[in-house]
Amino acid sequence: MDESSLKAELLKFIKEKALVKGECTLASGQKSNFYIDGKLVTLDAQGIFLAAKVVYSMIHGTQADAVGGPTMGADPIAAAVALLSSQSGHPLKAFIVRKETKSHGMQKMIEGPILQEGDKVIMVEDVVTTGESVLKAIKEVEKLKARVVKVICLVDRAAGAQDVLSSYNYSPVFQLSELGVDQS
């Protein structure tokens, strides 16, 4: 299946499985008359297959060393993209960024193989609204002196993320308008 066919299938999957109508409060605190439940895509066998293939095709040429992002939205995407990369001759490290430092064990903020200074990193997320959660995760990665070379989300809700993440080569797979949702 070529890239445009994969994207078309993924869009159809998101519309059918992840788009939930009804009043809700988003992670950003904003109210909305619909919700995009990314986990209904990324925790489904066919959904994560499509998402990982599309995201993996988008990182071509970045020479990335790692893929990850804020927990929970990034977790299945990062793992699936790393799995796909294992067959490429240039496997990617997968990682997740916690919301807060663990109070036990190794007390890490970032889980997974250790990011090294100079590592080129792809940040991923399922759905982005304002971009603040991703930006917080980026700051944690940058503390390790790794360099974010691209940010990819499955759906951008068009509520400010483009401005917040533009300096990180922000590339949503889909804009909210492509889902045919009325934002009013």
C-alpha atoms as a PDB file:
ATOM      1  CA  MET A   1       0.000   0.000   0.000  1.00  0.00           C
ATOM      2  CA  ASP A   2       1.488   3.400  -0.939  1.00  0.00           C
ATOM      3  CA  GLU A   3       1.714   6.378   1.433  1.00  0.00           C
ATOM      4  CA  SER A   4      -1.397   8.187   0.159  1.00  0.00           C
ATOM      5  CA  SER A   5      -3.453   4.975   0.456  1.00  0.00           C
ATOM      6  CA  LEU A   6      -2.157   4.426   4.000  1.00  0.00           C
ATOM      7  CA  LYS A   7      -3.093   7.994   4.939  1.00  0.00           C
ATOM      8  CA  ALA A   8      -6.562   7.621   3.436  1.00  0.00           C
ATOM      9  CA  GLU A   9      -7.116   4.390   5.387  1.00  0.00           C
ATOM     10  CA  LEU A  10      -5.840   6.004   8.595  1.00  0.00           C
ATOM     11  CA  LEU A  11      -8.131   9.008   8.155  1.00  0.00           C
ATOM     12  CA  LYS A  12     -11.120   6.722   7.588  1.00  0.00           C
ATOM     13  CA  PHE A  13     -10.138   4.715  10.676  1.00  0.00           C
ATOM     14  CA  ILE A  14      -9.866   7.852  12.840  1.00  0.00           C
ATOM     15  CA  LYS A  15     -13.236   9.157  11.653  1.00  0.00           C
ATOM     16  CA  GLU A  16     -14.967   5.821  12.257  1.00  0.00           C
ATOM     17  CA  LYS A  17     -13.324   4.728  15.503  1.00  0.00           C
ATOM     18  CA  ALA A  18     -11.892   7.718  17.377  1.00  0.00           C
ATOM     19  CA  LEU A  19     -14.252  10.626  16.755  1.00  0.00           C
ATOM     20  CA  VAL A  20     -16.661  10.915  19.683  1.00  0.00           C
ATOM     21  CA  LYS A  21     -19.448  13.519  19.569  1.00  0.00           C
ATOM     22  CA  GLY A  22     -20.548  15.193  22.798  1.00  0.00           C
ATOM     23  CA  GLU A  23     -19.415  17.779  25.336  1.00  0.00           C
ATOM     24  CA  CYS A  24     -15.987  17.102  26.870  1.00  0.00           C
ATOM     25  CA  THR A  25     -13.068  18.808  28.553  1.00  0.00           C
ATOM     26  CA  LEU A  26      -9.719  18.456  26.786  1.00  0.00           C
ATOM     27  CA  ALA A  27      -6.326  17.969  28.478  1.00  0.00           C
ATOM     28  CA  SER A  28      -5.691  21.662  27.774  1.00  0.00           C
ATOM     29  CA  GLY A  29      -8.726  22.526  29.910  1.00  0.00           C
ATOM     30  CA  GLN A  30     -10.671  23.761  26.875  1.00  0.00           C
ATOM     31  CA  LYS A  31     -14.274  22.635  26.344  1.00  0.00           C
ATOM     32  CA  SER A  32     -15.272  20.955  23.095  1.00  0.00           C
ATOM     33  CA  ASN A  33     -18.370  19.443  21.511  1.00  0.00           C
ATOM     34  CA  PHE A  34     -16.352  16.427  20.307  1.00  0.00           C
ATOM     35  CA  TYR A  35     -13.398  14.340  21.360  1.00  0.00           C
ATOM     36  CA  ILE A  36     -10.790  12.474  19.345  1.00  0.00           C
ATOM     37  CA  ASP A  37      -9.862   9.384  21.348  1.00  0.00           C
ATOM     38  CA  GLY A  38      -6.480   8.592  19.849  1.00  0.00           C
ATOM     39  CA  LYS A  39      -6.087   5.452  21.947  1.00  0.00           C
ATOM     40  CA  LEU A  40      -8.994   3.878  20.022  1.00  0.00           C
ATOM     41  CA  VAL A  41      -6.684   4.113  17.009  1.00  0.00           C
ATOM     42  CA  THR A  42      -3.252   3.463  18.508  1.00  0.00           C
ATOM     43  CA  LEU A  43      -4.321   0.546  20.722  1.00  0.00           C
ATOM     44  CA  ASP A  44      -6.127  -1.216  17.886  1.00  0.00           C
ATOM     45  CA  ALA A  45      -4.040  -3.628  15.795  1.00  0.00           C
ATOM     46  CA  GLN A  46      -5.078  -2.180  12.425  1.00  0.00           C
ATOM     47  CA  GLY A  47      -5.055   1.406  13.713  1.00  0.00           C
ATOM     48  CA  ILE A  48      -1.526   1.288  15.107  1.00  0.00           C
ATOM     49  CA  PHE A  49      -0.302  -0.506  12.005  1.00  0.00           C
ATOM     50  CA  LEU A  50      -1.609   2.313   9.812  1.00  0.00           C
ATOM     51  CA  ALA A  51      -0.444   5.072  12.185  1.00  0.00           C
ATOM     52  CA  ALA A  52       3.057   3.606  12.530  1.00  0.00           C
ATOM     53  CA  LYS A  53       3.473   3.122   8.775  1.00  0.00           C
ATOM     54  CA  VAL A  54       2.379   6.710   8.083  1.00  0.00           C
ATOM     55  CA  VAL A  55       4.553   8.220  10.832  1.00  0.00           C
ATOM     56  CA  TYR A  56       7.547   6.090   9.841  1.00  0.00           C
ATOM     57  CA  SER A  57       7.243   7.286   6.239  1.00  0.00           C
ATOM     58  CA  MET A  58       7.220  10.900   7.488  1.00  0.00           C
ATOM     59  CA  ILE A  59      10.564  10.586   9.290  1.00  0.00           C
ATOM     60  CA  HIS A  60      12.471   9.509   6.197  1.00  0.00           C
ATOM     61  CA  GLY A  61      15.561  11.678   5.779  1.00  0.00           C
ATOM     62  CA  THR A  62      15.693  12.953   9.378  1.00  0.00           C
ATOM     63  CA  GLN A  63      18.484  10.555  10.389  1.00  0.00           C
ATOM     64  CA  ALA A  64      16.694  10.227  13.730  1.00  0.00           C
ATOM     65  CA  ASP A  65      18.107   8.144  16.556  1.00  0.00           C
ATOM     66  CA  ALA A  66      15.000   7.968  18.740  1.00  0.00           C
ATOM     67  CA  VAL A  67      11.235   8.360  18.718  1.00  0.00           C
ATOM     68  CA  GLY A  68       8.991   9.159  21.665  1.00  0.00           C
ATOM     69  CA  GLY A  69       6.836  11.723  23.348  1.00  0.00           C
ATOM     70  CA  PRO A  70       4.519  12.450  26.243  1.00  0.00           C
ATOM     71  CA  THR A  71       2.843   9.497  27.902  1.00  0.00           C
ATOM     72  CA  MET A  72       0.148   8.128  27.081  1.00  0.00           C
ATOM     73  CA  GLY A  73      -0.553   9.399  23.596  1.00  0.00           C
ATOM     74  CA  ALA A  74       2.950   8.764  22.299  1.00  0.00           C
ATOM     75  CA  ASP A  75       3.559   5.365  23.917  1.00  0.00           C
ATOM     76  CA  PRO A  76       2.057   2.996  21.325  1.00  0.00           C
ATOM     77  CA  ILE A  77       3.130   5.178  18.387  1.00  0.00           C
ATOM     78  CA  ALA A  78       6.759   5.337  19.540  1.00  0.00           C
ATOM     79  CA  ALA A  79       6.899   1.588  20.178  1.00  0.00           C
ATOM     80  CA  ALA A  80       5.333   0.718  16.806  1.00  0.00           C
ATOM     81  CA  VAL A  81       7.562   3.106  14.837  1.00  0.00           C
ATOM     82  CA  ALA A  82      10.642   1.720  16.605  1.00  0.00           C
ATOM     83  CA  LEU A  83       9.474  -1.797  15.737  1.00  0.00           C
ATOM     84  CA  LEU A  84       9.135  -0.861  12.059  1.00  0.00           C
ATOM     85  CA  SER A  85      12.599   0.725  12.133  1.00  0.00           C
ATOM     86  CA  SER A  86      14.146  -2.512  13.412  1.00  0.00           C
ATOM     87  CA  GLN A  87      13.992  -3.883   9.863  1.00  0.00           C
ATOM     88  CA  SER A  88      15.664  -0.836   8.312  1.00  0.00           C
ATOM     89  CA  GLY A  89      19.258  -1.307   9.381  1.00  0.00           C
ATOM     90  CA  HIS A  90      18.913   1.852  11.497  1.00  0.00           C
ATOM     91  CA  PRO A  91      16.703   0.920  14.476  1.00  0.00           C
ATOM     92  CA  LEU A  92      15.294   3.786  16.529  1.00  0.00           C
ATOM     93  CA  LYS A  93      15.245   3.930  20.316  1.00  0.00           C
ATOM     94  CA  ALA A  94      11.707   4.340  21.673  1.00  0.00           C
ATOM     95  CA  PHE A  95      11.103   6.409  24.808  1.00  0.00           C
ATOM     96  CA  ILE A  96       8.293   8.019  26.778  1.00  0.00           C
ATOM     97  CA  VAL A  97       8.268  11.196  28.813  1.00  0.00           C
ATOM     98  CA  ARG A  98       6.380  11.026  32.095  1.00  0.00           C
ATOM     99  CA  LYS A  99       4.104  13.794  33.303  1.00  0.00           C
ATOM    100  CA  GLU A 100       6.191  13.953  36.476  1.00  0.00           C
ATOM    101  CA  THR A 101       9.281  12.281  37.877  1.00  0.00           C
ATOM    102  CA  LYS A 102       8.713   8.883  39.415  1.00  0.00           C
ATOM    103  CA  SER A 103       8.991   8.932  43.218  1.00  0.00           C
ATOM    104  CA  HIS A 104      10.436   5.397  43.381  1.00  0.00           C
ATOM    105  CA  GLY A 105      12.827   3.166  41.461  1.00  0.00           C
ATOM    106  CA  MET A 106      15.207   5.122  39.261  1.00  0.00           C
ATOM    107  CA  GLN A 107      13.111   8.313  39.565  1.00  0.00           C
ATOM    108  CA  LYS A 108      13.308   9.004  35.851  1.00  0.00           C
ATOM    109  CA  MET A 109      11.344  11.511  33.852  1.00  0.00           C
ATOM    110  CA  ILE A 110      12.168   9.752  30.557  1.00  0.00           C
ATOM    111  CA  GLU A 111      11.731   5.979  30.251  1.00  0.00           C
ATOM    112  CA  GLY A 112      13.343   3.731  27.681  1.00  0.00           C
ATOM    113  CA  PRO A 113      16.843   3.462  26.239  1.00  0.00           C
ATOM    114  CA  ILE A 114      18.954   6.402  27.374  1.00  0.00           C
ATOM    115  CA  LEU A 115      18.970   9.397  25.062  1.00  0.00           C
ATOM    116  CA  GLN A 116      22.511  10.588  24.429  1.00  0.00           C
ATOM    117  CA  GLU A 117      23.790  14.101  23.899  1.00  0.00           C
ATOM    118  CA  GLY A 118      23.370  14.920  20.215  1.00  0.00           C
ATOM    119  CA  ASP A 119      20.749  12.234  19.526  1.00  0.00           C
ATOM    120  CA  LYS A 120      18.262  13.343  16.871  1.00  0.00           C
ATOM    121  CA  VAL A 121      14.769  12.812  18.199  1.00  0.00           C
ATOM    122  CA  ILE A 122      11.306  12.551  16.632  1.00  0.00           C
ATOM    123  CA  MET A 123       8.528  13.530  19.035  1.00  0.00           C
ATOM    124  CA  VAL A 124       5.135  11.909  18.443  1.00  0.00           C
ATOM    125  CA  GLU A 125       1.642  12.310  19.898  1.00  0.00           C
ATOM    126  CA  ASP A 126      -1.809  11.079  18.994  1.00  0.00           C
ATOM    127  CA  VAL A 127      -3.863  14.284  19.287  1.00  0.00           C
ATOM    128  CA  VAL A 128      -2.527  17.799  19.897  1.00  0.00           C
ATOM    129  CA  THR A 129      -4.564  20.835  20.937  1.00  0.00           C
ATOM    130  CA  THR A 130      -2.379  23.670  22.232  1.00  0.00           C
ATOM    131  CA  GLY A 131       0.945  21.823  21.972  1.00  0.00           C
ATOM    132  CA  GLU A 132       1.875  22.526  25.584  1.00  0.00           C
ATOM    133  CA  SER A 133       2.151  18.834  26.653  1.00  0.00           C
ATOM    134  CA  VAL A 134       4.448  18.097  23.727  1.00  0.00           C
ATOM    135  CA  LEU A 135       6.490  21.227  24.436  1.00  0.00           C
ATOM    136  CA  LYS A 136       6.919  20.155  28.070  1.00  0.00           C
ATOM    137  CA  ALA A 137       8.164  16.740  26.871  1.00  0.00           C
ATOM    138  CA  ILE A 138      10.510  18.427  24.374  1.00  0.00           C
ATOM    139  CA  LYS A 139      12.055  20.474  27.195  1.00  0.00           C
ATOM    140  CA  GLU A 140      12.798  17.247  29.110  1.00  0.00           C
ATOM    141  CA  VAL A 141      14.489  15.757  26.029  1.00  0.00           C
ATOM    142  CA  GLU A 142      16.502  18.936  25.543  1.00  0.00           C
ATOM    143  CA  LYS A 143      17.745  18.749  29.149  1.00  0.00           C
ATOM    144  CA  LEU A 144      19.631  15.638  28.008  1.00  0.00           C
ATOM    145  CA  LYS A 145      21.107  17.671  25.126  1.00  0.00           C
ATOM    146  CA  ALA A 146      19.282  15.565  22.543  1.00  0.00           C
ATOM    147  CA  ARG A 147      17.901  17.517  19.569  1.00  0.00           C
ATOM    148  CA  VAL A 148      14.281  17.366  18.453  1.00  0.00           C
ATOM    149  CA  VAL A 149      14.324  17.291  14.641  1.00  0.00           C
ATOM    150  CA  LYS A 150      10.606  16.735  14.010  1.00  0.00           C
ATOM    151  CA  VAL A 151       7.266  16.620  15.829  1.00  0.00           C
ATOM    152  CA  ILE A 152       4.463  14.503  14.376  1.00  0.00           C
ATOM    153  CA  CYS A 153       0.933  14.095  15.668  1.00  0.00           C
ATOM    154  CA  LEU A 154      -1.908  12.103  14.166  1.00  0.00           C
ATOM    155  CA  VAL A 155      -4.440  14.953  14.522  1.00  0.00           C
ATOM    156  CA  ASP A 156      -3.946  18.670  15.197  1.00  0.00           C
ATOM    157  CA  ARG A 157      -7.084  20.196  16.742  1.00  0.00           C
ATOM    158  CA  ALA A 158      -6.049  23.634  15.380  1.00  0.00           C
ATOM    159  CA  ALA A 159      -5.959  25.376  18.747  1.00  0.00           C
ATOM    160  CA  GLY A 160      -2.452  26.869  18.825  1.00  0.00           C
ATOM    161  CA  ALA A 161      -0.066  23.931  18.498  1.00  0.00           C
ATOM    162  CA  GLN A 162       1.216  25.126  15.118  1.00  0.00           C
ATOM    163  CA  ASP A 163       2.540  28.329  16.721  1.00  0.00           C
ATOM    164  CA  VAL A 164       3.909  26.593  19.838  1.00  0.00           C
ATOM    165  CA  LEU A 165       5.697  23.805  17.944  1.00  0.00           C
ATOM    166  CA  SER A 166       6.631  25.444  14.620  1.00  0.00           C
ATOM    167  CA  SER A 167      10.333  25.773  15.494  1.00  0.00           C
ATOM    168  CA  TYR A 168      10.486  21.959  15.895  1.00  0.00           C
ATOM    169  CA  ASN A 169       9.485  21.044  12.322  1.00  0.00           C
ATOM    170  CA  TYR A 170       5.882  20.349  13.367  1.00  0.00           C
ATOM    171  CA  SER A 171       4.069  18.040  10.948  1.00  0.00           C
ATOM    172  CA  PRO A 172       0.572  16.825  11.804  1.00  0.00           C
ATOM    173  CA  VAL A 173      -0.626  13.852   9.774  1.00  0.00           C
ATOM    174  CA  PHE A 174      -4.117  15.401   9.692  1.00  0.00           C
ATOM    175  CA  GLN A 175      -5.593  18.772  10.468  1.00  0.00           C
ATOM    176  CA  LEU A 176      -8.923  18.826  12.293  1.00  0.00           C
ATOM    177  CA  SER A 177     -10.632  20.191   9.158  1.00  0.00           C
ATOM    178  CA  GLU A 178      -9.817  16.901   7.381  1.00  0.00           C
ATOM    179  CA  LEU A 179     -12.004  15.043   9.868  1.00  0.00           C
ATOM    180  CA  GLY A 180     -15.054  17.070   8.809  1.00  0.00           C
ATOM    181  CA  VAL A 181     -15.791  18.250  12.352  1.00  0.00           C
ATOM    182  CA  ASP A 182     -17.716  21.436  13.124  1.00  0.00           C
ATOM    183  CA  GLN A 183     -15.616  23.299  15.714  1.00  0.00           C
ATOM    184  CA  SER A 184     -18.383  25.632  16.883  1.00  0.00           C
END
